[in-house]
Amino acid sequence: MVFHHYNFSVSFLSLAAIQITLQKNDLSEQYIGVLMVAELGLILINIICFFMMSILSNSHKAAEELSVLKQQDEMRKQYAENVKYRYDEIRQIRHDMKQSYTVNETLLSENRTSDAMEYIRAGKSAITKTEVLVDVGNDFVNSILNSKLTAAKQLGIEVICSSVKDISGIEAVDLCTLLGNLLDNAIEAAEQCLPENRLIEVKITSFDGKLIIQVANSIKHSVLNGNKELKSTKSDLSEHGFGVKSIRLIVKKYQGSVKYFEDDNLLNCRVILYR
């Protein structure tokens, strides 16, 4: 795009120079003809450049939209996998509960109360790992949101999450893609911090026809100081760097806004979507 502006400026100056030269009365007809051909050539070149830039711009836009569609498809696959995983997990818990009743019955009949309590605590810990952290009233969004937050907990990241129940007005697949990208970035950054400093906080609120999503995560050092555009620092750019672009495309779709800022060793991303 910068090259296009530079090319247009040079062409404009060249055309102006040709016009000034043509105003002179002492030019031969042959020389005037050459200048006019050059002028037409410059105009033709600019028209071609304009169409080429338009095609490239549309191609770039299509590539970005395709990346969002791919991520949305990935979210659907994750949702299907999560549903199957939860179903299998529930079946396993039901089976384990039957065994647990038998074991506890035996322990209590033998007056081994401390062993029975320890067994109960172990079972409770296993169940806690699968607990729902937040319910936004949509199974699709719940699945993505809770699977990401559960993964964060398993990495030793403290998770704080609060949300309104009503998320209507925003397509579930867009919300899943948005939250998926925000949380993937947050988990990756928080995981790099010292264990005692790992934190992710998610707040989903609603106000005056807007859905406001804020995700904060601990950071090892400032991110925005050296990378205000949050460009990917990974070597394989064909596979990475679409997260922030996807977030911005979804924000644009709902005529909203996205803002990144740092506060007290936390990187915050605040997204506003209009329902």
Protein backbone atom coordinates (compact mmCIF):
# COMPACT_ATOMS: atom_id res chain seq x y z
CA MET A 1 0.00 0.00 0.00
CA VAL A 2 2.89 2.38 0.78
CA PHE A 3 4.45 1.51 -2.58
CA HIS A 4 1.16 2.32 -4.30
CA HIS A 5 1.02 5.77 -2.70
CA TYR A 6 4.67 6.37 -3.66
CA ASN A 7 4.01 5.24 -7.24
CA PHE A 8 0.96 7.52 -7.49
CA SER A 9 2.95 10.51 -6.20
CA VAL A 10 5.76 9.95 -8.71
CA SER A 11 3.24 9.55 -11.56
CA PHE A 12 1.41 12.73 -10.54
CA LEU A 13 4.63 14.73 -10.51
CA SER A 14 5.64 13.24 -13.89
CA LEU A 15 2.28 14.14 -15.42
CA ALA A 16 2.55 17.66 -14.02
CA ALA A 17 6.04 18.00 -15.51
CA ILE A 18 4.77 16.80 -18.92
CA GLN A 19 1.88 19.29 -18.84
CA ILE A 20 4.25 22.16 -17.99
CA THR A 21 6.57 21.13 -20.84
CA LEU A 22 3.65 20.95 -23.29
CA GLN A 23 2.76 24.57 -22.51
CA LYS A 24 5.95 25.73 -24.22
CA ASN A 25 5.46 27.06 -27.77
CA ASP A 26 8.88 26.12 -29.19
CA LEU A 27 8.37 22.34 -29.11
CA SER A 28 8.32 20.33 -32.31
CA GLU A 29 5.23 18.31 -33.21
CA GLN A 30 7.24 15.09 -32.95
CA TYR A 31 8.42 15.96 -29.43
CA ILE A 32 4.86 16.90 -28.43
CA GLY A 33 3.65 13.55 -29.74
CA VAL A 34 6.25 11.71 -27.67
CA LEU A 35 5.23 13.60 -24.53
CA MET A 36 1.54 12.87 -25.11
CA VAL A 37 2.27 9.16 -25.59
CA ALA A 38 4.30 9.21 -22.37
CA GLU A 39 1.42 10.92 -20.60
CA LEU A 40 -1.09 8.33 -21.80
CA GLY A 41 1.34 5.59 -20.81
CA LEU A 42 1.59 6.93 -17.26
CA ILE A 43 -2.19 7.14 -16.98
CA LEU A 44 -2.52 3.56 -18.23
CA ILE A 45 0.15 2.34 -15.79
CA ASN A 46 -1.69 4.00 -12.88
CA ILE A 47 -4.99 2.41 -13.92
CA ILE A 48 -3.32 -1.02 -14.05
CA CYS A 49 -1.64 -0.43 -10.67
CA PHE A 50 -4.96 0.62 -9.16
CA PHE A 51 -6.69 -2.57 -10.31
CA MET A 52 -3.75 -4.72 -9.18
CA MET A 53 -3.80 -3.15 -5.72
CA SER A 54 -7.57 -3.63 -5.56
CA ILE A 55 -7.18 -7.32 -6.43
CA LEU A 56 -4.39 -7.77 -3.86
CA SER A 57 -6.43 -5.98 -1.20
CA ASN A 58 -9.45 -8.19 -1.85
CA SER A 59 -7.22 -11.26 -1.83
CA HIS A 60 -5.71 -10.22 1.51
CA LYS A 61 -9.16 -9.59 2.97
CA ALA A 62 -10.37 -12.98 1.71
CA ALA A 63 -7.34 -14.68 3.29
CA GLU A 64 -8.09 -13.05 6.66
CA GLU A 65 -11.76 -14.03 6.45
CA LEU A 66 -10.72 -17.59 5.55
CA SER A 67 -8.51 -17.70 8.64
CA VAL A 68 -11.50 -16.72 10.80
CA LEU A 69 -13.63 -19.43 9.15
CA LYS A 70 -10.90 -21.99 9.82
CA GLN A 71 -10.77 -20.95 13.46
CA GLN A 72 -14.55 -21.14 13.72
CA ASP A 73 -14.44 -24.64 12.26
CA GLU A 74 -11.76 -25.54 14.79
CA MET A 75 -13.99 -24.25 17.59
CA ARG A 76 -16.85 -26.45 16.35
CA LYS A 77 -14.52 -29.46 16.36
CA GLN A 78 -13.37 -28.61 19.88
CA TYR A 79 -16.99 -28.34 20.97
CA ALA A 80 -17.80 -31.79 19.53
CA GLU A 81 -14.71 -33.26 21.16
CA ASN A 82 -15.56 -31.65 24.49
CA VAL A 83 -19.11 -33.01 24.40
CA LYS A 84 -17.83 -36.54 23.73
CA TYR A 85 -15.12 -36.17 26.36
CA ARG A 86 -17.62 -34.98 28.98
CA TYR A 87 -20.00 -37.81 28.13
CA ASP A 88 -17.23 -40.41 28.48
CA GLU A 89 -16.07 -38.71 31.68
CA ILE A 90 -19.57 -38.86 33.21
CA ARG A 91 -19.82 -42.55 32.35
CA GLN A 92 -16.46 -43.14 34.00
CA ILE A 93 -17.49 -41.17 37.10
CA ARG A 94 -20.69 -43.22 37.41
CA HIS A 95 -18.66 -46.41 37.19
CA ASP A 96 -16.12 -45.11 39.74
CA MET A 97 -18.92 -44.05 42.11
CA LYS A 98 -20.22 -47.61 42.23
CA GLN A 99 -16.74 -48.79 43.14
CA SER A 100 -16.37 -45.98 45.68
CA TYR A 101 -19.55 -46.96 47.52
CA THR A 102 -18.28 -50.52 47.78
CA VAL A 103 -14.85 -49.44 49.04
CA ASN A 104 -16.29 -46.96 51.57
CA GLU A 105 -18.80 -49.49 52.79
CA THR A 106 -15.95 -51.93 53.46
CA LEU A 107 -13.75 -49.33 55.16
CA LEU A 108 -16.54 -48.06 57.41
CA SER A 109 -17.62 -51.57 58.34
CA GLU A 110 -14.06 -52.14 59.53
CA ASN A 111 -14.10 -48.83 61.48
CA ARG A 112 -11.32 -47.42 59.24
CA THR A 113 -12.80 -43.92 59.30
CA SER A 114 -9.58 -42.03 58.44
CA ASP A 115 -9.00 -44.22 55.37
CA ALA A 116 -12.59 -43.69 54.28
CA MET A 117 -12.21 -39.89 54.61
CA GLU A 118 -8.99 -39.93 52.60
CA TYR A 119 -10.70 -41.95 49.88
CA ILE A 120 -13.59 -39.47 49.79
CA ARG A 121 -11.19 -36.51 49.54
CA ALA A 122 -9.36 -38.13 46.59
CA GLY A 123 -12.66 -38.68 44.79
CA LYS A 124 -13.76 -35.12 45.46
CA SER A 125 -10.51 -33.78 44.00
CA ALA A 126 -11.02 -35.79 40.80
CA ILE A 127 -14.56 -34.44 40.40
CA THR A 128 -13.42 -30.84 41.01
CA LYS A 129 -11.18 -31.03 37.93
CA THR A 130 -14.28 -31.37 35.74
CA GLU A 131 -16.44 -28.73 37.40
CA VAL A 132 -18.09 -26.00 35.32
CA LEU A 133 -16.36 -22.70 36.01
CA VAL A 134 -18.94 -20.46 34.37
CA ASP A 135 -22.32 -20.76 32.68
CA VAL A 136 -23.28 -18.12 30.09
CA GLY A 137 -26.48 -19.86 29.05
CA ASN A 138 -25.13 -21.28 25.79
CA ASP A 139 -23.75 -24.84 25.63
CA PHE A 140 -21.47 -24.05 22.70
CA VAL A 141 -19.84 -21.07 24.40
CA ASN A 142 -19.77 -22.87 27.78
CA SER A 143 -17.87 -25.75 26.22
CA ILE A 144 -15.12 -23.58 24.72
CA LEU A 145 -14.89 -21.20 27.67
CA ASN A 146 -14.76 -23.88 30.35
CA SER A 147 -12.39 -26.17 28.45
CA LYS A 148 -9.90 -23.28 28.04
CA LEU A 149 -10.21 -22.24 31.69
CA THR A 150 -9.91 -25.83 32.90
CA ALA A 151 -6.75 -26.23 30.80
CA ALA A 152 -5.41 -23.04 32.43
CA LYS A 153 -6.13 -24.41 35.92
CA GLN A 154 -4.32 -27.63 35.10
CA LEU A 155 -1.26 -25.56 34.16
CA GLY A 156 -1.27 -24.02 37.63
CA ILE A 157 -2.83 -20.73 36.52
CA GLU A 158 -5.23 -19.09 38.95
CA VAL A 159 -8.54 -18.50 37.17
CA ILE A 160 -11.12 -15.84 38.07
CA CYS A 161 -14.22 -15.70 35.89
CA SER A 162 -17.55 -13.91 36.04
CA SER A 163 -20.20 -13.50 33.36
CA VAL A 164 -23.70 -12.31 32.66
CA LYS A 165 -26.21 -14.98 31.65
CA ASP A 166 -27.55 -13.14 28.60
CA ILE A 167 -25.16 -13.14 25.64
CA SER A 168 -27.88 -12.85 23.00
CA GLY A 169 -27.28 -10.68 19.96
CA ILE A 170 -23.82 -12.14 19.30
CA GLU A 171 -23.46 -15.27 17.20
CA ALA A 172 -22.17 -18.15 19.33
CA VAL A 173 -19.51 -19.15 16.79
CA ASP A 174 -18.12 -15.58 16.75
CA LEU A 175 -18.09 -15.47 20.54
CA CYS A 176 -16.33 -18.83 20.69
CA THR A 177 -13.69 -17.74 18.19
CA LEU A 178 -13.17 -14.49 20.07
CA LEU A 179 -12.93 -16.12 23.52
CA GLY A 180 -10.82 -18.97 22.15
CA ASN A 181 -8.23 -16.56 20.73
CA LEU A 182 -8.22 -14.31 23.81
CA LEU A 183 -7.77 -17.25 26.18
CA ASP A 184 -5.16 -19.02 24.05
CA ASN A 185 -3.07 -15.85 24.10
CA ALA A 186 -3.68 -15.34 27.82
CA ILE A 187 -2.74 -18.93 28.73
CA GLU A 188 0.43 -18.79 26.64
CA ALA A 189 1.55 -15.56 28.34
CA ALA A 190 0.57 -16.56 31.90
CA GLU A 191 2.33 -19.92 31.57
CA GLN A 192 5.64 -18.08 31.08
CA CYS A 193 5.32 -16.39 34.49
CA LEU A 194 6.50 -17.79 37.81
CA PRO A 195 4.00 -20.32 39.23
CA GLU A 196 2.97 -18.01 42.06
CA ASN A 197 2.25 -15.15 39.63
CA ARG A 198 0.14 -17.02 37.07
CA LEU A 199 -3.31 -15.46 36.73
CA ILE A 200 -6.12 -15.12 34.20
CA GLU A 201 -9.25 -13.09 34.88
CA VAL A 202 -12.28 -13.07 32.59
CA LYS A 203 -15.18 -10.63 32.94
CA ILE A 204 -18.20 -10.65 30.63
CA THR A 205 -20.65 -7.85 31.33
CA SER A 206 -23.52 -6.17 29.51
CA PHE A 207 -24.46 -2.50 29.38
CA ASP A 208 -26.68 -0.36 27.16
CA GLY A 209 -26.91 -2.82 24.26
CA LYS A 210 -23.24 -3.75 24.45
CA LEU A 211 -21.48 -6.96 25.45
CA ILE A 212 -18.18 -6.17 27.13
CA ILE A 213 -15.50 -8.85 27.39
CA GLN A 214 -12.32 -8.22 29.34
CA VAL A 215 -9.54 -10.78 29.65
CA ALA A 216 -6.52 -10.01 31.82
CA ASN A 217 -3.46 -12.21 32.21
CA SER A 218 -0.19 -11.99 34.09
CA ILE A 219 2.89 -11.19 32.00
CA LYS A 220 6.57 -11.83 32.57
CA HIS A 221 7.50 -8.42 31.16
CA SER A 222 5.85 -5.62 29.22
CA VAL A 223 4.36 -6.74 25.91
CA LEU A 224 3.12 -3.43 24.50
CA ASN A 225 6.33 -1.46 24.98
CA GLY A 226 8.07 -3.26 22.14
CA ASN A 227 5.09 -4.64 20.24
CA LYS A 228 2.13 -2.24 20.25
CA GLU A 229 0.50 -3.96 17.26
CA LEU A 230 0.82 -7.35 19.01
CA LYS A 231 2.37 -8.93 15.93
CA SER A 232 3.25 -12.61 16.21
CA THR A 233 6.82 -13.25 17.33
CA LYS A 234 6.69 -16.91 16.28
CA SER A 235 8.87 -18.06 13.40
CA ASP A 236 6.14 -19.86 11.41
CA LEU A 237 3.93 -16.97 10.36
CA SER A 238 1.90 -19.23 8.06
CA GLU A 239 0.46 -20.91 11.14
CA HIS A 240 0.49 -18.07 13.64
CA GLY A 241 -0.42 -14.41 13.91
CA PHE A 242 -4.08 -14.74 12.94
CA GLY A 243 -5.38 -14.53 16.53
CA VAL A 244 -5.28 -10.76 16.89
CA LYS A 245 -6.51 -10.31 13.29
CA SER A 246 -9.46 -12.62 13.95
CA ILE A 247 -10.34 -10.68 17.08
CA ARG A 248 -10.29 -7.40 15.17
CA LEU A 249 -12.37 -8.79 12.29
CA ILE A 250 -15.06 -10.01 14.70
CA VAL A 251 -15.01 -6.66 16.52
CA LYS A 252 -15.45 -4.90 13.16
CA LYS A 253 -18.40 -7.16 12.32
CA TYR A 254 -20.25 -5.96 15.44
CA GLN A 255 -19.09 -2.34 14.99
CA GLY A 256 -17.31 -2.53 18.32
CA SER A 257 -13.84 -1.77 19.61
CA VAL A 258 -10.83 -3.56 21.08
CA LYS A 259 -8.27 -2.04 23.39
CA TYR A 260 -5.08 -3.49 24.88
CA PHE A 261 -3.46 -1.96 27.94
CA GLU A 262 -1.16 -2.98 30.78
CA ASP A 263 -1.74 -2.47 34.47
CA ASP A 264 0.07 -3.91 37.50
CA ASN A 265 1.91 -6.67 35.56
CA LEU A 266 -1.28 -7.64 33.76
CA LEU A 267 -2.04 -7.42 30.05
CA ASN A 268 -5.68 -6.48 29.56
CA CYS A 269 -7.77 -6.84 26.44
CA ARG A 270 -11.18 -5.13 26.51
CA VAL A 271 -13.57 -5.93 23.69
CA ILE A 272 -16.89 -4.15 23.17
CA LEU A 273 -19.45 -5.70 20.83
CA TYR A 274 -22.76 -4.09 19.90
CA ARG A 275 -25.63 -6.59 20.01
